[in-house]
Amino acid sequence: MGPTGADLIVEARKRANLTQRELAKRAGTTQSSIARWESARSEPSFANVIRLLRLCGFVLDVHLELYDDGLRDDWSQAQRLLRLTPEQRIESNTHMVHIARDLRAAALAAGLA
């Protein structure tokens, strides 16, 4: 989880070298409102967070990324492994061990490990 609205307001205000009172004056609100938002006693709307950040001279850059918890890939891999015979599982594991050893040797040779 990322920063909260309160975290963003505090960070922007401090970077702008503003007091709560100065930010409140710019925002047309009270110092106590800023204090409540910064302490998370009151949750500012997303629009208010954006507005307060702008008043401090900052913009919030938000973008969406696909969420991948890896469960789908893990499940597919588990199903694939369950279809293997015990001998095939040992062979696959042995192959992966050889790959890991080769990668480690290459990293050591390159001074990366």
C-alpha atoms as a PDB file:
ATOM      1  CA  MET A   1       0.000   0.000   0.000  1.00  0.00           C
ATOM      2  CA  GLY A   2       1.261   3.451  -0.848  1.00  0.00           C
ATOM      3  CA  PRO A   3       1.200   6.686   1.076  1.00  0.00           C
ATOM      4  CA  THR A   4      -2.064   8.047   2.426  1.00  0.00           C
ATOM      5  CA  GLY A   5      -3.566  11.433   1.657  1.00  0.00           C
ATOM      6  CA  ALA A   6      -2.279  12.583   5.043  1.00  0.00           C
ATOM      7  CA  ASP A   7       1.267  11.448   4.175  1.00  0.00           C
ATOM      8  CA  LEU A   8       1.171  13.281   0.855  1.00  0.00           C
ATOM      9  CA  ILE A   9      -0.100  16.527   2.375  1.00  0.00           C
ATOM     10  CA  VAL A  10       2.530  16.514   5.121  1.00  0.00           C
ATOM     11  CA  GLU A  11       5.333  15.743   2.661  1.00  0.00           C
ATOM     12  CA  ALA A  12       4.260  18.433   0.181  1.00  0.00           C
ATOM     13  CA  ARG A  13       3.767  21.074   2.876  1.00  0.00           C
ATOM     14  CA  LYS A  14       7.158  20.380   4.432  1.00  0.00           C
ATOM     15  CA  ARG A  15       8.946  20.365   1.069  1.00  0.00           C
ATOM     16  CA  ALA A  16       7.294  23.710   0.289  1.00  0.00           C
ATOM     17  CA  ASN A  17       8.499  25.046   3.669  1.00  0.00           C
ATOM     18  CA  LEU A  18       4.966  25.991   4.662  1.00  0.00           C
ATOM     19  CA  THR A  19       3.344  25.907   8.072  1.00  0.00           C
ATOM     20  CA  GLN A  20      -0.097  24.410   8.486  1.00  0.00           C
ATOM     21  CA  ARG A  21      -1.425  27.943   8.932  1.00  0.00           C
ATOM     22  CA  GLU A  22       0.191  29.133   5.675  1.00  0.00           C
ATOM     23  CA  LEU A  23      -1.193  26.185   3.725  1.00  0.00           C
ATOM     24  CA  ALA A  24      -4.614  26.723   5.287  1.00  0.00           C
ATOM     25  CA  LYS A  25      -4.569  30.368   4.190  1.00  0.00           C
ATOM     26  CA  ARG A  26      -3.718  29.368   0.612  1.00  0.00           C
ATOM     27  CA  ALA A  27      -6.471  26.749   0.681  1.00  0.00           C
ATOM     28  CA  GLY A  28      -9.082  29.039   2.203  1.00  0.00           C
ATOM     29  CA  THR A  29      -9.572  26.764   5.190  1.00  0.00           C
ATOM     30  CA  THR A  30      -8.490  26.628   8.814  1.00  0.00           C
ATOM     31  CA  GLN A  31      -5.220  25.453  10.314  1.00  0.00           C
ATOM     32  CA  SER A  32      -7.185  22.925  12.357  1.00  0.00           C
ATOM     33  CA  SER A  33      -8.598  21.380   9.151  1.00  0.00           C
ATOM     34  CA  ILE A  34      -5.072  20.931   7.791  1.00  0.00           C
ATOM     35  CA  ALA A  35      -3.993  19.442  11.135  1.00  0.00           C
ATOM     36  CA  ARG A  36      -6.922  16.960  11.103  1.00  0.00           C
ATOM     37  CA  TRP A  37      -6.090  15.891   7.540  1.00  0.00           C
ATOM     38  CA  GLU A  38      -2.379  15.537   8.284  1.00  0.00           C
ATOM     39  CA  SER A  39      -2.995  13.491  11.417  1.00  0.00           C
ATOM     40  CA  ALA A  40      -5.574  11.334   9.579  1.00  0.00           C
ATOM     41  CA  ARG A  41      -8.247  12.194  12.139  1.00  0.00           C
ATOM     42  CA  SER A  42     -10.254  13.299   9.123  1.00  0.00           C
ATOM     43  CA  GLU A  43      -9.835  11.835   5.645  1.00  0.00           C
ATOM     44  CA  PRO A  44      -9.502  14.454   2.884  1.00  0.00           C
ATOM     45  CA  SER A  45     -11.152  13.721  -0.443  1.00  0.00           C
ATOM     46  CA  PHE A  46      -8.891  12.794  -3.330  1.00  0.00           C
ATOM     47  CA  ALA A  47      -9.757  16.137  -4.946  1.00  0.00           C
ATOM     48  CA  ASN A  48      -8.690  17.986  -1.786  1.00  0.00           C
ATOM     49  CA  VAL A  49      -5.395  16.114  -1.649  1.00  0.00           C
ATOM     50  CA  ILE A  50      -4.693  17.064  -5.281  1.00  0.00           C
ATOM     51  CA  ARG A  51      -5.656  20.696  -4.597  1.00  0.00           C
ATOM     52  CA  LEU A  52      -3.482  20.950  -1.475  1.00  0.00           C
ATOM     53  CA  LEU A  53      -0.515  19.428  -3.287  1.00  0.00           C
ATOM     54  CA  ARG A  54      -0.916  21.977  -6.078  1.00  0.00           C
ATOM     55  CA  LEU A  55      -1.077  24.798  -3.540  1.00  0.00           C
ATOM     56  CA  CYS A  56       2.281  23.530  -2.254  1.00  0.00           C
ATOM     57  CA  GLY A  57       3.668  23.568  -5.794  1.00  0.00           C
ATOM     58  CA  PHE A  58       3.439  19.858  -6.514  1.00  0.00           C
ATOM     59  CA  VAL A  59       1.413  17.554  -8.728  1.00  0.00           C
ATOM     60  CA  LEU A  60       0.508  13.966  -7.998  1.00  0.00           C
ATOM     61  CA  ASP A  61       1.331  11.650 -10.879  1.00  0.00           C
ATOM     62  CA  VAL A  62      -0.909   8.593 -10.695  1.00  0.00           C
ATOM     63  CA  HIS A  63      -0.930   5.695 -13.115  1.00  0.00           C
ATOM     64  CA  LEU A  64      -2.567   2.294 -13.125  1.00  0.00           C
ATOM     65  CA  GLU A  65      -0.684  -0.953 -13.509  1.00  0.00           C
ATOM     66  CA  LEU A  66      -2.087  -4.420 -13.809  1.00  0.00           C
ATOM     67  CA  TYR A  67      -1.982  -6.200 -10.491  1.00  0.00           C
ATOM     68  CA  ASP A  68      -0.233  -9.553 -10.655  1.00  0.00           C
ATOM     69  CA  ASP A  69      -0.181 -11.473  -7.412  1.00  0.00           C
ATOM     70  CA  GLY A  70       1.447 -14.412  -9.143  1.00  0.00           C
ATOM     71  CA  LEU A  71      -1.259 -16.816  -7.993  1.00  0.00           C
ATOM     72  CA  ARG A  72      -2.446 -17.602 -11.493  1.00  0.00           C
ATOM     73  CA  ASP A  73       1.085 -18.453 -12.625  1.00  0.00           C
ATOM     74  CA  ASP A  74       1.766 -20.381  -9.413  1.00  0.00           C
ATOM     75  CA  TRP A  75      -1.435 -22.379  -9.868  1.00  0.00           C
ATOM     76  CA  SER A  76      -0.615 -23.165 -13.510  1.00  0.00           C
ATOM     77  CA  GLN A  77       2.865 -24.272 -12.528  1.00  0.00           C
ATOM     78  CA  ALA A  78       1.522 -26.426  -9.691  1.00  0.00           C
ATOM     79  CA  GLN A  79      -0.939 -28.109 -12.044  1.00  0.00           C
ATOM     80  CA  ARG A  80       1.825 -28.746 -14.586  1.00  0.00           C
ATOM     81  CA  LEU A  81       4.080 -30.267 -11.922  1.00  0.00           C
ATOM     82  CA  LEU A  82       1.288 -32.498 -10.644  1.00  0.00           C
ATOM     83  CA  ARG A  83       0.908 -33.990 -14.128  1.00  0.00           C
ATOM     84  CA  LEU A  84       4.568 -35.116 -14.112  1.00  0.00           C
ATOM     85  CA  THR A  85       5.646 -38.529 -12.960  1.00  0.00           C
ATOM     86  CA  PRO A  86       8.027 -38.665  -9.966  1.00  0.00           C
ATOM     87  CA  GLU A  87      10.888 -39.445 -12.360  1.00  0.00           C
ATOM     88  CA  GLN A  88      10.025 -36.425 -14.525  1.00  0.00           C
ATOM     89  CA  ARG A  89       9.920 -34.202 -11.426  1.00  0.00           C
ATOM     90  CA  ILE A  90      13.406 -35.360 -10.381  1.00  0.00           C
ATOM     91  CA  GLU A  91      14.714 -34.785 -13.908  1.00  0.00           C
ATOM     92  CA  SER A  92      13.178 -31.288 -14.010  1.00  0.00           C
ATOM     93  CA  ASN A  93      14.611 -30.438 -10.604  1.00  0.00           C
ATOM     94  CA  THR A  94      18.077 -31.711 -11.593  1.00  0.00           C
ATOM     95  CA  HIS A  95      17.935 -29.595 -14.745  1.00  0.00           C
ATOM     96  CA  MET A  96      17.042 -26.476 -12.710  1.00  0.00           C
ATOM     97  CA  VAL A  97      19.912 -27.147 -10.289  1.00  0.00           C
ATOM     98  CA  HIS A  98      22.346 -27.266 -13.235  1.00  0.00           C
ATOM     99  CA  ILE A  99      20.959 -23.984 -14.584  1.00  0.00           C
ATOM    100  CA  ALA A 100      21.293 -22.348 -11.157  1.00  0.00           C
ATOM    101  CA  ARG A 101      24.910 -23.543 -10.853  1.00  0.00           C
ATOM    102  CA  ASP A 102      25.737 -22.211 -14.333  1.00  0.00           C
ATOM    103  CA  LEU A 103      24.188 -18.836 -13.518  1.00  0.00           C
ATOM    104  CA  ARG A 104      26.088 -18.628 -10.236  1.00  0.00           C
ATOM    105  CA  ALA A 105      29.367 -19.504 -11.953  1.00  0.00           C
ATOM    106  CA  ALA A 106      28.736 -16.840 -14.607  1.00  0.00           C
ATOM    107  CA  ALA A 107      27.950 -14.253 -11.918  1.00  0.00           C
ATOM    108  CA  LEU A 108      31.130 -15.138 -10.015  1.00  0.00           C
ATOM    109  CA  ALA A 109      33.200 -14.915 -13.195  1.00  0.00           C
ATOM    110  CA  ALA A 110      31.722 -11.479 -13.934  1.00  0.00           C
ATOM    111  CA  GLY A 111      32.399 -10.317 -10.380  1.00  0.00           C
ATOM    112  CA  LEU A 112      28.693  -9.933  -9.630  1.00  0.00           C
ATOM    113  CA  ALA A 113      28.552 -12.338  -6.707  1.00  0.00           C
END
